[in-house]
C-alpha atoms as a PDB file:
ATOM      1  CA  UNK A   1      62.502  39.477  81.624  1.00  0.00           C
ATOM      2  CA  UNK A   2      63.646  41.704  80.158  1.00  0.00           C
ATOM      3  CA  UNK A   3      66.421  42.446  77.215  1.00  0.00           C
ATOM      4  CA  UNK A   4      67.926  45.210  79.078  1.00  0.00           C
ATOM      5  CA  UNK A   5      68.212  43.309  82.800  1.00  0.00           C
ATOM      6  CA  UNK A   6      69.399  39.923  80.680  1.00  0.00           C
ATOM      7  CA  UNK A   7      72.544  41.742  79.912  1.00  0.00           C
ATOM      8  CA  UNK A   8      75.804  40.011  81.092  1.00  0.00           C
ATOM      9  CA  UNK A   9      76.967  43.872  80.077  1.00  0.00           C
ATOM     10  CA  UNK A  10      75.688  47.129  80.351  1.00  0.00           C
ATOM     11  CA  UNK A  11      76.605  48.145  76.783  1.00  0.00           C
ATOM     12  CA  UNK A  12      74.335  48.657  73.827  1.00  0.00           C
ATOM     13  CA  UNK A  13      75.854  48.962  70.123  1.00  0.00           C
ATOM     14  CA  UNK A  14      74.501  51.775  68.818  1.00  0.00           C
ATOM     15  CA  UNK A  15      72.886  51.383  65.344  1.00  0.00           C
ATOM     16  CA  UNK A  16      74.959  53.391  62.867  1.00  0.00           C
ATOM     17  CA  UNK A  17      73.366  53.801  59.766  1.00  0.00           C
ATOM     18  CA  UNK A  18      75.353  53.834  56.481  1.00  0.00           C
ATOM     19  CA  UNK A  19      77.720  50.733  56.489  1.00  0.00           C
ATOM     20  CA  UNK A  20      79.071  50.513  59.866  1.00  0.00           C
ATOM     21  CA  UNK A  21      76.791  48.025  61.892  1.00  0.00           C
ATOM     22  CA  UNK A  22      77.034  45.369  60.368  1.00  0.00           C
ATOM     23  CA  UNK A  23      75.745  41.503  61.075  1.00  0.00           C
ATOM     24  CA  UNK A  24      79.423  40.298  62.180  1.00  0.00           C
ATOM     25  CA  UNK A  25      79.011  43.828  64.483  1.00  0.00           C
ATOM     26  CA  UNK A  26      75.805  42.835  65.958  1.00  0.00           C
ATOM     27  CA  UNK A  27      76.131  39.357  66.795  1.00  0.00           C
ATOM     28  CA  UNK A  28      79.841  39.781  68.008  1.00  0.00           C
ATOM     29  CA  UNK A  29      78.457  42.271  70.775  1.00  0.00           C
ATOM     30  CA  UNK A  30      75.381  40.365  71.418  1.00  0.00           C
ATOM     31  CA  UNK A  31      77.368  37.255  71.421  1.00  0.00           C
ATOM     32  CA  UNK A  32      80.335  38.466  74.356  1.00  0.00           C
ATOM     33  CA  UNK A  33      76.365  39.528  76.339  1.00  0.00           C
ATOM     34  CA  UNK A  34      75.879  42.892  75.228  1.00  0.00           C
ATOM     35  CA  UNK A  35      72.860  44.067  73.269  1.00  0.00           C
ATOM     36  CA  UNK A  36      74.088  44.724  69.144  1.00  0.00           C
ATOM     37  CA  UNK A  37      71.650  46.431  66.941  1.00  0.00           C
ATOM     38  CA  UNK A  38      71.328  46.642  63.127  1.00  0.00           C
ATOM     39  CA  UNK A  39      70.456  50.149  61.391  1.00  0.00           C
ATOM     40  CA  UNK A  40      67.646  49.923  59.097  1.00  0.00           C
ATOM     41  CA  UNK A  41      67.721  53.465  57.831  1.00  0.00           C
ATOM     42  CA  UNK A  42      68.675  54.002  54.438  1.00  0.00           C
ATOM     43  CA  UNK A  43      68.742  50.469  53.313  1.00  0.00           C
ATOM     44  CA  UNK A  44      66.053  48.353  51.798  1.00  0.00           C
ATOM     45  CA  UNK A  45      63.439  46.085  53.610  1.00  0.00           C
ATOM     46  CA  UNK A  46      65.453  43.290  51.376  1.00  0.00           C
ATOM     47  CA  UNK A  47      68.800  43.705  52.998  1.00  0.00           C
ATOM     48  CA  UNK A  48      67.299  44.311  56.434  1.00  0.00           C
ATOM     49  CA  UNK A  49      65.916  41.355  56.301  1.00  0.00           C
ATOM     50  CA  UNK A  50      68.901  39.519  55.056  1.00  0.00           C
ATOM     51  CA  UNK A  51      70.939  41.325  57.826  1.00  0.00           C
ATOM     52  CA  UNK A  52      68.573  39.747  60.121  1.00  0.00           C
ATOM     53  CA  UNK A  53      68.865  36.153  59.289  1.00  0.00           C
ATOM     54  CA  UNK A  54      72.839  36.817  59.438  1.00  0.00           C
ATOM     55  CA  UNK A  55      72.845  37.885  62.654  1.00  0.00           C
ATOM     56  CA  UNK A  56      70.380  34.880  63.760  1.00  0.00           C
ATOM     57  CA  UNK A  57      72.579  32.576  61.769  1.00  0.00           C
ATOM     58  CA  UNK A  58      75.705  34.159  63.874  1.00  0.00           C
ATOM     59  CA  UNK A  59      74.046  34.056  67.327  1.00  0.00           C
ATOM     60  CA  UNK A  60      71.208  32.825  69.453  1.00  0.00           C
ATOM     61  CA  UNK A  61      71.557  35.798  71.516  1.00  0.00           C
ATOM     62  CA  UNK A  62      69.117  38.854  71.906  1.00  0.00           C
ATOM     63  CA  UNK A  63      69.770  42.042  69.023  1.00  0.00           C
ATOM     64  CA  UNK A  64      67.598  45.103  67.849  1.00  0.00           C
ATOM     65  CA  UNK A  65      67.009  46.705  64.723  1.00  0.00           C
ATOM     66  CA  UNK A  66      66.494  50.394  64.466  1.00  0.00           C
ATOM     67  CA  UNK A  67      63.914  52.573  62.512  1.00  0.00           C
ATOM     68  CA  UNK A  68      63.989  55.852  61.211  1.00  0.00           C
ATOM     69  CA  UNK A  69      60.358  57.397  61.400  1.00  0.00           C
ATOM     70  CA  UNK A  70      59.298  59.353  58.354  1.00  0.00           C
ATOM     71  CA  UNK A  71      59.034  63.319  58.757  1.00  0.00           C
ATOM     72  CA  UNK A  72      55.703  65.321  57.651  1.00  0.00           C
ATOM     73  CA  UNK A  73      57.219  65.903  54.406  1.00  0.00           C
ATOM     74  CA  UNK A  74      57.433  69.748  54.667  1.00  0.00           C
ATOM     75  CA  UNK A  75      60.866  71.450  52.976  1.00  0.00           C
ATOM     76  CA  UNK A  76      61.674  74.928  51.856  1.00  0.00           C
ATOM     77  CA  UNK A  77      62.138  73.643  48.295  1.00  0.00           C
ATOM     78  CA  UNK A  78      63.285  77.309  46.895  1.00  0.00           C
ATOM     79  CA  UNK A  79      66.138  76.919  49.894  1.00  0.00           C
ATOM     80  CA  UNK A  80      67.153  72.795  49.325  1.00  0.00           C
ATOM     81  CA  UNK A  81      67.443  73.781  45.332  1.00  0.00           C
ATOM     82  CA  UNK A  82      69.793  76.948  45.930  1.00  0.00           C
ATOM     83  CA  UNK A  83      72.151  74.821  48.018  1.00  0.00           C
ATOM     84  CA  UNK A  84      72.222  72.227  44.918  1.00  0.00           C
ATOM     85  CA  UNK A  85      73.326  74.954  42.954  1.00  0.00           C
ATOM     86  CA  UNK A  86      76.103  75.865  45.400  1.00  0.00           C
ATOM     87  CA  UNK A  87      76.909  72.264  45.224  1.00  0.00           C
ATOM     88  CA  UNK A  88      76.851  71.620  41.713  1.00  0.00           C
ATOM     89  CA  UNK A  89      80.556  72.806  40.707  1.00  0.00           C
ATOM     90  CA  UNK A  90      81.999  71.008  43.445  1.00  0.00           C
ATOM     91  CA  UNK A  91      80.022  67.860  42.454  1.00  0.00           C
ATOM     92  CA  UNK A  92      81.534  68.581  38.519  1.00  0.00           C
ATOM     93  CA  UNK A  93      84.785  67.923  40.226  1.00  0.00           C
ATOM     94  CA  UNK A  94      84.400  64.920  41.083  1.00  0.00           C
ATOM     95  CA  UNK A  95      82.786  63.826  37.940  1.00  0.00           C
ATOM     96  CA  UNK A  96      79.195  63.173  38.897  1.00  0.00           C
ATOM     97  CA  UNK A  97      76.119  64.860  39.253  1.00  0.00           C
ATOM     98  CA  UNK A  98      74.006  65.733  42.139  1.00  0.00           C
ATOM     99  CA  UNK A  99      70.871  63.696  43.167  1.00  0.00           C
ATOM    100  CA  UNK A 100      67.239  64.294  42.856  1.00  0.00           C
ATOM    101  CA  UNK A 101      66.558  65.746  46.153  1.00  0.00           C
ATOM    102  CA  UNK A 102      63.290  63.424  46.489  1.00  0.00           C
ATOM    103  CA  UNK A 103      61.247  62.980  50.032  1.00  0.00           C
ATOM    104  CA  UNK A 104      60.442  59.812  51.330  1.00  0.00           C
ATOM    105  CA  UNK A 105      59.142  57.544  54.115  1.00  0.00           C
ATOM    106  CA  UNK A 106      62.442  55.319  53.655  1.00  0.00           C
ATOM    107  CA  UNK A 107      60.405  52.429  53.505  1.00  0.00           C
ATOM    108  CA  UNK A 108      58.856  52.569  57.014  1.00  0.00           C
ATOM    109  CA  UNK A 109      55.730  51.118  56.292  1.00  0.00           C
ATOM    110  CA  UNK A 110      57.124  48.069  54.571  1.00  0.00           C
ATOM    111  CA  UNK A 111      60.226  47.844  57.257  1.00  0.00           C
ATOM    112  CA  UNK A 112      57.228  47.927  60.081  1.00  0.00           C
ATOM    113  CA  UNK A 113      55.522  44.822  58.451  1.00  0.00           C
ATOM    114  CA  UNK A 114      58.693  42.766  58.571  1.00  0.00           C
ATOM    115  CA  UNK A 115      59.467  43.350  61.465  1.00  0.00           C
ATOM    116  CA  UNK A 116      55.829  42.433  62.621  1.00  0.00           C
ATOM    117  CA  UNK A 117      56.145  39.500  60.293  1.00  0.00           C
ATOM    118  CA  UNK A 118      59.039  37.958  61.702  1.00  0.00           C
ATOM    119  CA  UNK A 119      59.483  39.809  65.015  1.00  0.00           C
ATOM    120  CA  UNK A 120      63.240  40.408  66.600  1.00  0.00           C
ATOM    121  CA  UNK A 121      63.916  40.976  70.553  1.00  0.00           C
ATOM    122  CA  UNK A 122      64.096  44.902  70.274  1.00  0.00           C
ATOM    123  CA  UNK A 123      63.062  47.303  67.968  1.00  0.00           C
ATOM    124  CA  UNK A 124      64.333  51.358  68.893  1.00  0.00           C
ATOM    125  CA  UNK A 125      63.026  54.125  67.026  1.00  0.00           C
ATOM    126  CA  UNK A 126      64.752  56.979  66.088  1.00  0.00           C
ATOM    127  CA  UNK A 127      63.516  60.989  64.391  1.00  0.00           C
ATOM    128  CA  UNK A 128      60.518  61.244  66.586  1.00  0.00           C
ATOM    129  CA  UNK A 129      58.195  58.702  68.667  1.00  0.00           C
ATOM    130  CA  UNK A 130      56.299  55.860  67.125  1.00  0.00           C
ATOM    131  CA  UNK A 131      52.625  55.772  66.900  1.00  0.00           C
ATOM    132  CA  UNK A 132      50.869  54.153  69.853  1.00  0.00           C
ATOM    133  CA  UNK A 133      49.141  51.530  67.147  1.00  0.00           C
ATOM    134  CA  UNK A 134      53.011  50.333  66.211  1.00  0.00           C
ATOM    135  CA  UNK A 135      54.118  50.729  69.781  1.00  0.00           C
ATOM    136  CA  UNK A 136      51.332  47.870  70.773  1.00  0.00           C
ATOM    137  CA  UNK A 137      51.773  45.666  67.555  1.00  0.00           C
ATOM    138  CA  UNK A 138      55.126  44.923  68.513  1.00  0.00           C
ATOM    139  CA  UNK A 139      54.494  44.522  71.729  1.00  0.00           C
ATOM    140  CA  UNK A 140      52.036  42.038  70.541  1.00  0.00           C
ATOM    141  CA  UNK A 141      54.620  40.052  69.084  1.00  0.00           C
ATOM    142  CA  UNK A 142      56.907  39.918  71.691  1.00  0.00           C
ATOM    143  CA  UNK A 143      59.268  42.889  70.790  1.00  0.00           C
ATOM    144  CA  UNK A 144      60.652  45.405  73.309  1.00  0.00           C
ATOM    145  CA  UNK A 145      59.962  48.878  72.025  1.00  0.00           C
ATOM    146  CA  UNK A 146      63.005  51.748  72.719  1.00  0.00           C
ATOM    147  CA  UNK A 147      62.467  55.182  71.899  1.00  0.00           C
ATOM    148  CA  UNK A 148      65.222  57.493  71.662  1.00  0.00           C
ATOM    149  CA  UNK A 149      64.657  61.545  72.750  1.00  0.00           C
ATOM    150  CA  UNK A 150      66.742  64.301  72.997  1.00  0.00           C
ATOM    151  CA  UNK A 151      64.783  66.819  74.722  1.00  0.00           C
ATOM    152  CA  UNK A 152      63.370  66.003  78.195  1.00  0.00           C
ATOM    153  CA  UNK A 153      59.597  66.272  77.905  1.00  0.00           C
ATOM    154  CA  UNK A 154      60.249  63.752  75.122  1.00  0.00           C
ATOM    155  CA  UNK A 155      60.807  61.096  77.681  1.00  0.00           C
ATOM    156  CA  UNK A 156      57.671  61.214  79.439  1.00  0.00           C
ATOM    157  CA  UNK A 157      55.783  61.514  76.027  1.00  0.00           C
ATOM    158  CA  UNK A 158      57.592  58.273  75.341  1.00  0.00           C
ATOM    159  CA  UNK A 159      57.036  56.571  78.497  1.00  0.00           C
ATOM    160  CA  UNK A 160      53.465  57.551  78.013  1.00  0.00           C
ATOM    161  CA  UNK A 161      53.184  55.447  74.748  1.00  0.00           C
ATOM    162  CA  UNK A 162      54.256  52.502  76.714  1.00  0.00           C
ATOM    163  CA  UNK A 163      57.740  51.854  75.059  1.00  0.00           C
ATOM    164  CA  UNK A 164      59.960  49.880  77.207  1.00  0.00           C
ATOM    165  CA  UNK A 165      63.051  51.681  77.466  1.00  0.00           C
ATOM    166  CA  UNK A 166      63.961  55.121  76.939  1.00  0.00           C
ATOM    167  CA  UNK A 167      67.705  55.784  75.082  1.00  0.00           C
ATOM    168  CA  UNK A 168      68.848  59.110  76.058  1.00  0.00           C
ATOM    169  CA  UNK A 169      70.990  61.312  73.513  1.00  0.00           C
ATOM    170  CA  UNK A 170      73.200  63.926  74.616  1.00  0.00           C
ATOM    171  CA  UNK A 171      74.612  66.224  72.201  1.00  0.00           C
ATOM    172  CA  UNK A 172      77.799  64.595  72.364  1.00  0.00           C
ATOM    173  CA  UNK A 173      76.752  61.688  70.156  1.00  0.00           C
ATOM    174  CA  UNK A 174      77.831  61.116  66.378  1.00  0.00           C
ATOM    175  CA  UNK A 175      75.687  60.981  63.529  1.00  0.00           C
ATOM    176  CA  UNK A 176      72.140  62.317  63.130  1.00  0.00           C
ATOM    177  CA  UNK A 177      70.242  63.705  66.160  1.00  0.00           C
ATOM    178  CA  UNK A 178      67.686  60.926  66.949  1.00  0.00           C
ATOM    179  CA  UNK A 179      64.960  63.137  68.240  1.00  0.00           C
ATOM    180  CA  UNK A 180      62.630  65.944  66.786  1.00  0.00           C
ATOM    181  CA  UNK A 181      62.682  68.524  66.415  1.00  0.00           C
ATOM    182  CA  UNK A 182      66.709  67.967  66.136  1.00  0.00           C
ATOM    183  CA  UNK A 183      67.676  71.851  67.079  1.00  0.00           C
ATOM    184  CA  UNK A 184      68.091  70.601  70.880  1.00  0.00           C
ATOM    185  CA  UNK A 185      71.659  70.811  72.336  1.00  0.00           C
ATOM    186  CA  UNK A 186      71.476  69.270  75.961  1.00  0.00           C
ATOM    187  CA  UNK A 187      74.462  67.234  77.308  1.00  0.00           C
ATOM    188  CA  UNK A 188      73.804  63.437  78.279  1.00  0.00           C
ATOM    189  CA  UNK A 189      74.389  64.400  81.983  1.00  0.00           C
ATOM    190  CA  UNK A 190      71.920  67.001  82.138  1.00  0.00           C
ATOM    191  CA  UNK A 191      69.085  65.126  79.910  1.00  0.00           C
ATOM    192  CA  UNK A 192      69.463  61.995  82.168  1.00  0.00           C
ATOM    193  CA  UNK A 193      69.123  63.570  84.947  1.00  0.00           C
ATOM    194  CA  UNK A 194      66.163  65.826  83.892  1.00  0.00           C
ATOM    195  CA  UNK A 195      65.239  62.447  82.290  1.00  0.00           C
ATOM    196  CA  UNK A 196      65.069  60.366  85.449  1.00  0.00           C
ATOM    197  CA  UNK A 197      61.297  61.107  86.743  1.00  0.00           C
ATOM    198  CA  UNK A 198      60.229  58.780  84.173  1.00  0.00           C
ATOM    199  CA  UNK A 199      59.304  55.496  84.884  1.00  0.00           C
ATOM    200  CA  UNK A 200      61.214  53.517  82.113  1.00  0.00           C
ATOM    201  CA  UNK A 201      64.895  52.487  82.210  1.00  0.00           C
ATOM    202  CA  UNK A 202      67.053  54.780  80.711  1.00  0.00           C
ATOM    203  CA  UNK A 203      69.874  53.871  78.090  1.00  0.00           C
ATOM    204  CA  UNK A 204      72.185  56.596  77.809  1.00  0.00           C
ATOM    205  CA  UNK A 205      74.118  57.760  74.434  1.00  0.00           C
ATOM    206  CA  UNK A 206      76.618  60.309  73.338  1.00  0.00           C
ATOM    207  CA  UNK A 207      80.406  60.544  74.003  1.00  0.00           C
ATOM    208  CA  UNK A 208      80.653  57.523  76.149  1.00  0.00           C
ATOM    209  CA  UNK A 209      83.862  55.648  74.448  1.00  0.00           C
ATOM    210  CA  UNK A 210      86.107  54.640  78.245  1.00  0.00           C
ATOM    211  CA  UNK A 211      84.461  53.259  81.277  1.00  0.00           C
ATOM    212  CA  UNK A 212      85.047  56.422  83.131  1.00  0.00           C
ATOM    213  CA  UNK A 213      82.478  57.749  81.098  1.00  0.00           C
ATOM    214  CA  UNK A 214      80.291  54.605  80.598  1.00  0.00           C
ATOM    215  CA  UNK A 215      80.930  54.525  84.836  1.00  0.00           C
ATOM    216  CA  UNK A 216      79.425  58.480  84.780  1.00  0.00           C
ATOM    217  CA  UNK A 217      76.163  57.050  82.891  1.00  0.00           C
ATOM    218  CA  UNK A 218      75.428  54.360  84.791  1.00  0.00           C
ATOM    219  CA  UNK A 219      75.806  56.989  88.112  1.00  0.00           C
ATOM    220  CA  UNK A 220      73.440  59.285  86.902  1.00  0.00           C
ATOM    221  CA  UNK A 221      70.654  56.670  86.358  1.00  0.00           C
ATOM    222  CA  UNK A 222      71.348  54.944  83.122  1.00  0.00           C
ATOM    223  CA  UNK A 223      70.744  51.085  83.374  1.00  0.00           C
ATOM    224  CA  UNK A 224      73.123  50.881  80.347  1.00  0.00           C
ATOM    225  CA  UNK A 225      75.182  52.975  77.361  1.00  0.00           C
ATOM    226  CA  UNK A 226      74.183  52.982  73.897  1.00  0.00           C
ATOM    227  CA  UNK A 227      78.421  53.226  72.595  1.00  0.00           C
ATOM    228  CA  UNK A 228      78.451  53.939  68.733  1.00  0.00           C
ATOM    229  CA  UNK A 229      81.666  55.786  67.983  1.00  0.00           C
ATOM    230  CA  UNK A 230      83.779  53.658  70.286  1.00  0.00           C
ATOM    231  CA  UNK A 231      82.879  50.578  67.740  1.00  0.00           C
ATOM    232  CA  UNK A 232      83.676  52.156  64.480  1.00  0.00           C
ATOM    233  CA  UNK A 233      87.747  51.247  64.104  1.00  0.00           C
ATOM    234  CA  UNK A 234      86.437  47.194  65.364  1.00  0.00           C
ATOM    235  CA  UNK A 235      87.579  45.217  62.226  1.00  0.00           C
ATOM    236  CA  UNK A 236      83.373  43.781  62.776  1.00  0.00           C
ATOM    237  CA  UNK A 237      82.648  47.402  61.791  1.00  0.00           C
ATOM    238  CA  UNK A 238      82.101  48.018  57.886  1.00  0.00           C
ATOM    239  CA  UNK A 239      83.372  51.413  58.397  1.00  0.00           C
ATOM    240  CA  UNK A 240      85.256  53.072  55.649  1.00  0.00           C
ATOM    241  CA  UNK A 241      89.498  52.948  55.637  1.00  0.00           C
ATOM    242  CA  UNK A 242      88.488  57.301  55.245  1.00  0.00           C
ATOM    243  CA  UNK A 243      86.349  56.933  58.318  1.00  0.00           C
ATOM    244  CA  UNK A 244      88.778  55.034  60.652  1.00  0.00           C
ATOM    245  CA  UNK A 245      91.390  57.450  59.884  1.00  0.00           C
ATOM    246  CA  UNK A 246      89.340  60.273  61.120  1.00  0.00           C
ATOM    247  CA  UNK A 247      87.650  58.913  64.132  1.00  0.00           C
ATOM    248  CA  UNK A 248      91.999  57.307  64.940  1.00  0.00           C
ATOM    249  CA  UNK A 249      92.733  61.003  64.340  1.00  0.00           C
ATOM    250  CA  UNK A 250      92.375  63.963  67.227  1.00  0.00           C
ATOM    251  CA  UNK A 251      90.430  66.664  64.586  1.00  0.00           C
ATOM    252  CA  UNK A 252      87.595  68.725  66.694  1.00  0.00           C
ATOM    253  CA  UNK A 253      83.573  67.856  65.729  1.00  0.00           C
ATOM    254  CA  UNK A 254      80.490  69.920  65.106  1.00  0.00           C
ATOM    255  CA  UNK A 255      76.858  69.232  64.487  1.00  0.00           C
ATOM    256  CA  UNK A 256      76.180  70.653  61.169  1.00  0.00           C
ATOM    257  CA  UNK A 257      73.388  70.006  58.530  1.00  0.00           C
ATOM    258  CA  UNK A 258      75.675  70.415  55.161  1.00  0.00           C
ATOM    259  CA  UNK A 259      75.578  66.464  54.457  1.00  0.00           C
ATOM    260  CA  UNK A 260      71.556  65.490  55.331  1.00  0.00           C
ATOM    261  CA  UNK A 261      69.350  68.578  55.712  1.00  0.00           C
ATOM    262  CA  UNK A 262      69.289  67.051  59.543  1.00  0.00           C
ATOM    263  CA  UNK A 263      71.807  67.847  62.117  1.00  0.00           C
ATOM    264  CA  UNK A 264      74.689  65.471  62.736  1.00  0.00           C
ATOM    265  CA  UNK A 265      77.773  65.205  64.300  1.00  0.00           C
ATOM    266  CA  UNK A 266      80.808  64.738  62.629  1.00  0.00           C
ATOM    267  CA  UNK A 267      84.610  65.423  62.047  1.00  0.00           C
ATOM    268  CA  UNK A 268      85.174  69.003  60.852  1.00  0.00           C
ATOM    269  CA  UNK A 269      86.356  68.808  57.364  1.00  0.00           C
ATOM    270  CA  UNK A 270      86.123  71.328  54.498  1.00  0.00           C
ATOM    271  CA  UNK A 271      82.873  70.227  53.211  1.00  0.00           C
ATOM    272  CA  UNK A 272      81.318  71.175  56.992  1.00  0.00           C
ATOM    273  CA  UNK A 273      83.124  74.540  57.102  1.00  0.00           C
ATOM    274  CA  UNK A 274      82.179  75.682  53.519  1.00  0.00           C
ATOM    275  CA  UNK A 275      78.840  74.482  53.197  1.00  0.00           C
ATOM    276  CA  UNK A 276      77.358  74.331  56.894  1.00  0.00           C
ATOM    277  CA  UNK A 277      75.857  77.839  57.597  1.00  0.00           C
ATOM    278  CA  UNK A 278      74.122  77.770  54.021  1.00  0.00           C
ATOM    279  CA  UNK A 279      72.387  74.240  54.466  1.00  0.00           C
ATOM    280  CA  UNK A 280      68.574  74.028  54.812  1.00  0.00           C
ATOM    281  CA  UNK A 281      66.647  72.044  56.776  1.00  0.00           C
ATOM    282  CA  UNK A 282      65.662  68.740  54.461  1.00  0.00           C
ATOM    283  CA  UNK A 283      66.092  65.273  55.381  1.00  0.00           C
ATOM    284  CA  UNK A 284      66.217  63.183  53.410  1.00  0.00           C
ATOM    285  CA  UNK A 285      66.020  65.587  50.498  1.00  0.00           C
ATOM    286  CA  UNK A 286      69.293  67.161  51.194  1.00  0.00           C
ATOM    287  CA  UNK A 287      70.662  63.258  51.787  1.00  0.00           C
ATOM    288  CA  UNK A 288      69.448  62.564  48.346  1.00  0.00           C
ATOM    289  CA  UNK A 289      70.630  65.420  46.891  1.00  0.00           C
ATOM    290  CA  UNK A 290      74.378  64.898  48.027  1.00  0.00           C
ATOM    291  CA  UNK A 291      75.160  61.394  48.173  1.00  0.00           C
ATOM    292  CA  UNK A 292      76.463  60.986  44.605  1.00  0.00           C
ATOM    293  CA  UNK A 293      78.701  64.039  45.501  1.00  0.00           C
ATOM    294  CA  UNK A 294      79.226  61.998  49.321  1.00  0.00           C
ATOM    295  CA  UNK A 295      80.454  58.713  47.601  1.00  0.00           C
ATOM    296  CA  UNK A 296      81.961  60.454  45.205  1.00  0.00           C
ATOM    297  CA  UNK A 297      84.681  61.323  47.833  1.00  0.00           C
ATOM    298  CA  UNK A 298      84.658  58.106  49.098  1.00  0.00           C
ATOM    299  CA  UNK A 299      85.479  56.571  46.156  1.00  0.00           C
ATOM    300  CA  UNK A 300      89.007  58.820  45.537  1.00  0.00           C
ATOM    301  CA  UNK A 301      89.753  59.036  49.484  1.00  0.00           C
ATOM    302  CA  UNK A 302      88.713  62.717  50.167  1.00  0.00           C
ATOM    303  CA  UNK A 303      88.246  63.226  53.584  1.00  0.00           C
ATOM    304  CA  UNK A 304      87.892  67.143  53.179  1.00  0.00           C
ATOM    305  CA  UNK A 305      84.474  66.319  51.503  1.00  0.00           C
ATOM    306  CA  UNK A 306      82.943  62.778  52.675  1.00  0.00           C
ATOM    307  CA  UNK A 307      80.768  62.767  56.169  1.00  0.00           C
ATOM    308  CA  UNK A 308      82.811  60.865  58.350  1.00  0.00           C
ATOM    309  CA  UNK A 309      80.400  60.761  61.429  1.00  0.00           C
ATOM    310  CA  UNK A 310      82.029  60.642  64.886  1.00  0.00           C
ATOM    311  CA  UNK A 311      81.287  61.542  68.716  1.00  0.00           C
ATOM    312  CA  UNK A 312      82.991  64.132  70.816  1.00  0.00           C
ATOM    313  CA  UNK A 313      84.765  61.101  72.331  1.00  0.00           C
ATOM    314  CA  UNK A 314      86.329  60.074  69.138  1.00  0.00           C
ATOM    315  CA  UNK A 315      89.887  59.695  69.765  1.00  0.00           C
ATOM    316  CA  UNK A 316      89.516  57.388  72.612  1.00  0.00           C
ATOM    317  CA  UNK A 317      88.137  54.743  69.917  1.00  0.00           C
ATOM    318  CA  UNK A 318      90.634  51.949  69.465  1.00  0.00           C
ATOM    319  CA  UNK A 319      90.947  49.145  66.836  1.00  0.00           C
ATOM    320  CA  UNK A 320      90.380  46.369  68.950  1.00  0.00           C
ATOM    321  CA  UNK A 321      87.628  42.948  68.040  1.00  0.00           C
ATOM    322  CA  UNK A 322      84.328  44.042  69.402  1.00  0.00           C
ATOM    323  CA  UNK A 323      83.924  41.399  71.828  1.00  0.00           C
ATOM    324  CA  UNK A 324      86.915  42.337  73.351  1.00  0.00           C
ATOM    325  CA  UNK A 325      85.817  46.452  73.348  1.00  0.00           C
ATOM    326  CA  UNK A 326      82.565  45.091  75.245  1.00  0.00           C
ATOM    327  CA  UNK A 327      84.456  43.579  78.028  1.00  0.00           C
ATOM    328  CA  UNK A 328      87.196  45.952  78.736  1.00  0.00           C
ATOM    329  CA  UNK A 329      84.360  49.022  78.357  1.00  0.00           C
ATOM    330  CA  UNK A 330      82.179  46.797  81.317  1.00  0.00           C
ATOM    331  CA  UNK A 331      85.843  46.070  83.630  1.00  0.00           C
ATOM    332  CA  UNK A 332      87.025  49.366  83.115  1.00  0.00           C
ATOM    333  CA  UNK A 333      83.679  51.162  84.269  1.00  0.00           C
ATOM    334  CA  UNK A 334      83.232  48.693  87.438  1.00  0.00           C
ATOM    335  CA  UNK A 335      86.768  49.639  88.446  1.00  0.00           C
ATOM    336  CA  UNK A 336      86.035  53.865  88.170  1.00  0.00           C
ATOM    337  CA  UNK A 337      82.861  52.888  89.785  1.00  0.00           C
ATOM    338  CA  UNK A 338      84.638  51.302  92.924  1.00  0.00           C
ATOM    339  CA  UNK A 339      87.115  54.360  92.690  1.00  0.00           C
ATOM    340  CA  UNK A 340      84.685  56.752  93.205  1.00  0.00           C
ATOM    341  CA  UNK A 341      82.652  55.041  95.899  1.00  0.00           C
ATOM    342  CA  UNK A 342      85.995  54.648  97.626  1.00  0.00           C
ATOM    343  CA  UNK A 343      86.419  58.815  97.311  1.00  0.00           C
ATOM    344  CA  UNK A 344      83.210  59.541  98.423  1.00  0.00           C
ATOM    345  CA  UNK A 345      83.703  57.315 101.641  1.00  0.00           C
ATOM    346  CA  UNK A 346      86.573  60.062 102.725  1.00  0.00           C
ATOM    347  CA  UNK A 347      83.631  62.196 102.879  1.00  0.00           C
ATOM    348  CA  UNK A 348      82.160  60.680 105.688  1.00  0.00           C
END
């Protein structure tokens, strides 16, 4: 039996790198019958191993780990240097120096080796598709492999690799675009329908923060929804007070490269408005460049500068325990589907 077919609720807690996806959040979602996900991106392998152990200590239910795939390393160094000069005065105002815009692979080989040595139920990949060797090795150890796509053609390519499920991420989603290239703008429902031809279960991601939106994704062909922003205000999440306040507000969101050099959706603030047009393509170089500045902004509680990842439906997020949120979303989706069926029956 696959992990998806064994869920009591069709809800996957999206892996949110940078702090929100704590072992407490992951285990709470899995224990109630959803699927929690740890975020391995932007953390070291030792922390990942410790987080996996912490989840296992809290629940015996399945959970997943999300891994960032490394890029090809190519970047316009002159453009990154120009961006650094642009940001330097702002960093000085916060009393910090910008970081070194180095490349890197986010310790991908080490993290993959750790997941092969101590398998978890599900491993998902973002920032492209894994190679066939990684898919085969993980599946031989009993791990399901999920791929993240943001384009219809990528869904077919993922299916050809033999993955077990495909996360279909619409442009409404908060945080980084999970596919490559990252310049697509497919909304979730059209992308779901265009990806429906591949013979793999689809997990919908993007703008799903209440029961009716979950119902819409299920009606459009998904077997479950990957929900992120809706969990950011849960007490188990590691979201900062600054982040929680932004998610609770009604400010619009936008996609930008200003913070990391890779397109990601966050709440619009002064930093995003000021620097978006000049931000170069360059992940993880820009991420490393801006890290000290963004950390200082969080330290000082400055929401005008800090990155505040959130999806378009963030005003629907509520401050409730994660298990309660999972149950409420699932129940409300069922009510919405029944109401839709009743309305459709009047056409007959």
